[in-house]
Amino acid sequence: MLQVTLHILAALAVSLSAVPFWLICLLMVLVFVSLLRTIRDYRSPSLKQIRKLIHNSEKGWTLFSGDSIFDKAKLLPSTVSTRFCLFMHFEDSKGKRHYLMVPRDKLSFDHYRQLRVLLKVSM
């Protein structure tokens, strides 16, 4: 519901902006397409919400989402590790890509540091 509200606010801001009419139309189409993708992603069950992430030196990465288990997920080289946030990109055994953002304040300092080291070692 929050995302729909944000899309409505974005459409309102675009409609009230002092830009040429063609640009308003283009931006409204982009907001509408974004809203449709958000609704589609919300309705389709997938690994959008990763519940658990496990790394085993023998099996590699495993991603858990509810009842679904995607074994042997591959960490992609586009993964970015910074002091403030981790942007992890995975590819499951079916070839579908999944993305996970881990802000530093979501984990304890030690766990965040360990995860950063693990990412550097496993890439």
C-alpha atoms as a PDB file:
ATOM      1  CA  MET A   1       0.000   0.000   0.000  1.00  0.00           C
ATOM      2  CA  LEU A   2       2.871   2.352   0.788  1.00  0.00           C
ATOM      3  CA  GLN A   3       4.383   1.854  -2.655  1.00  0.00           C
ATOM      4  CA  VAL A   4       1.076   2.668  -4.357  1.00  0.00           C
ATOM      5  CA  THR A   5       0.823   5.837  -2.269  1.00  0.00           C
ATOM      6  CA  LEU A   6       4.359   6.821  -3.251  1.00  0.00           C
ATOM      7  CA  HIS A   7       3.533   6.289  -6.928  1.00  0.00           C
ATOM      8  CA  ILE A   8       0.440   8.481  -6.574  1.00  0.00           C
ATOM      9  CA  LEU A   9       2.540  11.196  -4.920  1.00  0.00           C
ATOM     10  CA  ALA A  10       5.118  10.916  -7.707  1.00  0.00           C
ATOM     11  CA  ALA A  11       2.384  11.276 -10.340  1.00  0.00           C
ATOM     12  CA  LEU A  12       1.002  14.313  -8.509  1.00  0.00           C
ATOM     13  CA  ALA A  13       4.447  15.916  -8.317  1.00  0.00           C
ATOM     14  CA  VAL A  14       5.017  15.296 -12.023  1.00  0.00           C
ATOM     15  CA  SER A  15       1.643  16.749 -12.972  1.00  0.00           C
ATOM     16  CA  LEU A  16       2.279  19.912 -10.933  1.00  0.00           C
ATOM     17  CA  SER A  17       5.823  20.453 -12.191  1.00  0.00           C
ATOM     18  CA  ALA A  18       6.713  23.363 -14.465  1.00  0.00           C
ATOM     19  CA  VAL A  19       8.202  21.368 -17.326  1.00  0.00           C
ATOM     20  CA  PRO A  20       7.075  20.978 -20.952  1.00  0.00           C
ATOM     21  CA  PHE A  21       3.931  18.964 -21.545  1.00  0.00           C
ATOM     22  CA  TRP A  22       5.740  16.216 -23.483  1.00  0.00           C
ATOM     23  CA  LEU A  23       8.063  15.674 -20.522  1.00  0.00           C
ATOM     24  CA  ILE A  24       5.112  15.466 -18.133  1.00  0.00           C
ATOM     25  CA  CYS A  25       3.542  12.805 -20.371  1.00  0.00           C
ATOM     26  CA  LEU A  26       6.789  10.841 -20.534  1.00  0.00           C
ATOM     27  CA  LEU A  27       7.291  10.969 -16.761  1.00  0.00           C
ATOM     28  CA  MET A  28       3.677   9.929 -16.137  1.00  0.00           C
ATOM     29  CA  VAL A  29       4.156   6.903 -18.396  1.00  0.00           C
ATOM     30  CA  LEU A  30       7.313   5.986 -16.473  1.00  0.00           C
ATOM     31  CA  VAL A  31       5.512   6.287 -13.127  1.00  0.00           C
ATOM     32  CA  PHE A  32       2.657   4.137 -14.458  1.00  0.00           C
ATOM     33  CA  VAL A  33       5.050   1.458 -15.769  1.00  0.00           C
ATOM     34  CA  SER A  34       6.848   1.450 -12.426  1.00  0.00           C
ATOM     35  CA  LEU A  35       3.523   1.018 -10.634  1.00  0.00           C
ATOM     36  CA  LEU A  36       2.577  -1.918 -12.874  1.00  0.00           C
ATOM     37  CA  ARG A  37       5.939  -3.606 -12.214  1.00  0.00           C
ATOM     38  CA  THR A  38       5.521  -3.064  -8.475  1.00  0.00           C
ATOM     39  CA  ILE A  39       2.076  -4.665  -8.523  1.00  0.00           C
ATOM     40  CA  ARG A  40       3.360  -7.577 -10.645  1.00  0.00           C
ATOM     41  CA  ASP A  41       6.295  -8.172  -8.298  1.00  0.00           C
ATOM     42  CA  TYR A  42       4.012  -8.022  -5.276  1.00  0.00           C
ATOM     43  CA  ARG A  43       1.657 -10.664  -6.700  1.00  0.00           C
ATOM     44  CA  SER A  44       4.268 -13.101  -7.993  1.00  0.00           C
ATOM     45  CA  PRO A  45       5.850 -15.386  -5.411  1.00  0.00           C
ATOM     46  CA  SER A  46       9.595 -15.275  -5.845  1.00  0.00           C
ATOM     47  CA  LEU A  47      12.779 -14.736  -3.918  1.00  0.00           C
ATOM     48  CA  LYS A  48      12.129 -11.014  -3.587  1.00  0.00           C
ATOM     49  CA  GLN A  49      12.153 -11.363   0.188  1.00  0.00           C
ATOM     50  CA  ILE A  50      15.182 -13.379   1.186  1.00  0.00           C
ATOM     51  CA  ARG A  51      14.614 -14.716   4.683  1.00  0.00           C
ATOM     52  CA  LYS A  52      17.941 -16.410   5.268  1.00  0.00           C
ATOM     53  CA  LEU A  53      21.352 -16.512   3.633  1.00  0.00           C
ATOM     54  CA  ILE A  54      23.779 -19.331   4.393  1.00  0.00           C
ATOM     55  CA  HIS A  55      27.311 -19.845   3.124  1.00  0.00           C
ATOM     56  CA  ASN A  56      28.957 -23.246   3.312  1.00  0.00           C
ATOM     57  CA  SER A  57      32.514 -23.719   2.067  1.00  0.00           C
ATOM     58  CA  GLU A  58      31.495 -26.975   0.343  1.00  0.00           C
ATOM     59  CA  LYS A  59      28.035 -26.105  -1.023  1.00  0.00           C
ATOM     60  CA  GLY A  60      28.483 -22.370  -1.555  1.00  0.00           C
ATOM     61  CA  TRP A  61      25.631 -19.919  -1.027  1.00  0.00           C
ATOM     62  CA  THR A  62      22.068 -20.971  -0.202  1.00  0.00           C
ATOM     63  CA  LEU A  63      19.151 -18.530  -0.254  1.00  0.00           C
ATOM     64  CA  PHE A  64      15.971 -19.245   1.700  1.00  0.00           C
ATOM     65  CA  SER A  65      12.630 -17.571   1.048  1.00  0.00           C
ATOM     66  CA  GLY A  66       9.733 -18.926   3.054  1.00  0.00           C
ATOM     67  CA  ASP A  67       9.274 -22.565   2.003  1.00  0.00           C
ATOM     68  CA  SER A  68      11.411 -22.265  -1.134  1.00  0.00           C
ATOM     69  CA  ILE A  69      15.069 -23.237  -1.050  1.00  0.00           C
ATOM     70  CA  PHE A  70      17.400 -22.255  -3.877  1.00  0.00           C
ATOM     71  CA  ASP A  71      20.544 -24.276  -3.481  1.00  0.00           C
ATOM     72  CA  LYS A  72      23.867 -23.528  -5.102  1.00  0.00           C
ATOM     73  CA  ALA A  73      23.193 -19.853  -5.661  1.00  0.00           C
ATOM     74  CA  LYS A  74      26.157 -18.201  -7.333  1.00  0.00           C
ATOM     75  CA  LEU A  75      27.501 -14.879  -6.067  1.00  0.00           C
ATOM     76  CA  LEU A  76      27.859 -12.564  -9.062  1.00  0.00           C
ATOM     77  CA  PRO A  77      30.853 -10.259  -9.605  1.00  0.00           C
ATOM     78  CA  SER A  78      28.541  -7.227  -9.619  1.00  0.00           C
ATOM     79  CA  THR A  79      28.273  -7.561  -5.824  1.00  0.00           C
ATOM     80  CA  VAL A  80      29.425  -4.382  -4.071  1.00  0.00           C
ATOM     81  CA  SER A  81      30.729  -4.173  -0.510  1.00  0.00           C
ATOM     82  CA  THR A  82      31.075  -0.795   1.203  1.00  0.00           C
ATOM     83  CA  ARG A  83      31.509   0.263   4.812  1.00  0.00           C
ATOM     84  CA  PHE A  84      27.861   1.294   4.994  1.00  0.00           C
ATOM     85  CA  CYS A  85      25.978  -1.183   2.834  1.00  0.00           C
ATOM     86  CA  LEU A  86      26.330  -4.489   0.976  1.00  0.00           C
ATOM     87  CA  PHE A  87      24.699  -4.937  -2.413  1.00  0.00           C
ATOM     88  CA  MET A  88      24.693  -8.666  -3.053  1.00  0.00           C
ATOM     89  CA  HIS A  89      23.775 -10.126  -6.443  1.00  0.00           C
ATOM     90  CA  PHE A  90      23.049 -13.845  -6.783  1.00  0.00           C
ATOM     91  CA  GLU A  91      22.063 -16.215  -9.556  1.00  0.00           C
ATOM     92  CA  ASP A  92      20.125 -19.347  -8.604  1.00  0.00           C
ATOM     93  CA  SER A  93      20.344 -22.768 -10.256  1.00  0.00           C
ATOM     94  CA  LYS A  94      17.596 -21.773 -12.728  1.00  0.00           C
ATOM     95  CA  GLY A  95      19.569 -18.748 -13.926  1.00  0.00           C
ATOM     96  CA  LYS A  96      17.289 -16.195 -12.265  1.00  0.00           C
ATOM     97  CA  ARG A  97      19.023 -13.259 -10.612  1.00  0.00           C
ATOM     98  CA  HIS A  98      18.260 -12.084  -7.098  1.00  0.00           C
ATOM     99  CA  TYR A  99      19.417  -8.969  -5.302  1.00  0.00           C
ATOM    100  CA  LEU A 100      19.896  -8.339  -1.605  1.00  0.00           C
ATOM    101  CA  MET A 101      20.803  -5.079   0.105  1.00  0.00           C
ATOM    102  CA  VAL A 102      22.197  -5.329   3.641  1.00  0.00           C
ATOM    103  CA  PRO A 103      22.620  -1.989   5.449  1.00  0.00           C
ATOM    104  CA  ARG A 104      25.289  -1.915   8.150  1.00  0.00           C
ATOM    105  CA  ASP A 105      22.816  -1.196  10.940  1.00  0.00           C
ATOM    106  CA  LYS A 106      20.844  -4.410  10.236  1.00  0.00           C
ATOM    107  CA  LEU A 107      23.657  -6.562  11.644  1.00  0.00           C
ATOM    108  CA  SER A 108      25.980  -6.264  14.589  1.00  0.00           C
ATOM    109  CA  PHE A 109      29.377  -4.774  13.822  1.00  0.00           C
ATOM    110  CA  ASP A 110      31.118  -8.154  14.018  1.00  0.00           C
ATOM    111  CA  HIS A 111      28.562  -9.953  11.845  1.00  0.00           C
ATOM    112  CA  TYR A 112      28.690  -7.198   9.230  1.00  0.00           C
ATOM    113  CA  ARG A 113      32.496  -7.321   9.168  1.00  0.00           C
ATOM    114  CA  GLN A 114      32.454 -11.121   8.880  1.00  0.00           C
ATOM    115  CA  LEU A 115      30.000 -10.947   5.991  1.00  0.00           C
ATOM    116  CA  ARG A 116      32.184  -8.392   4.180  1.00  0.00           C
ATOM    117  CA  VAL A 117      35.243 -10.606   4.618  1.00  0.00           C
ATOM    118  CA  LEU A 118      33.285 -13.653   3.441  1.00  0.00           C
ATOM    119  CA  LEU A 119      32.152 -11.771   0.332  1.00  0.00           C
ATOM    120  CA  LYS A 120      35.711 -10.727  -0.483  1.00  0.00           C
ATOM    121  CA  VAL A 121      37.002 -14.271  -0.020  1.00  0.00           C
ATOM    122  CA  SER A 122      34.220 -15.970  -1.995  1.00  0.00           C
ATOM    123  CA  MET A 123      34.359 -13.655  -5.025  1.00  0.00           C
END
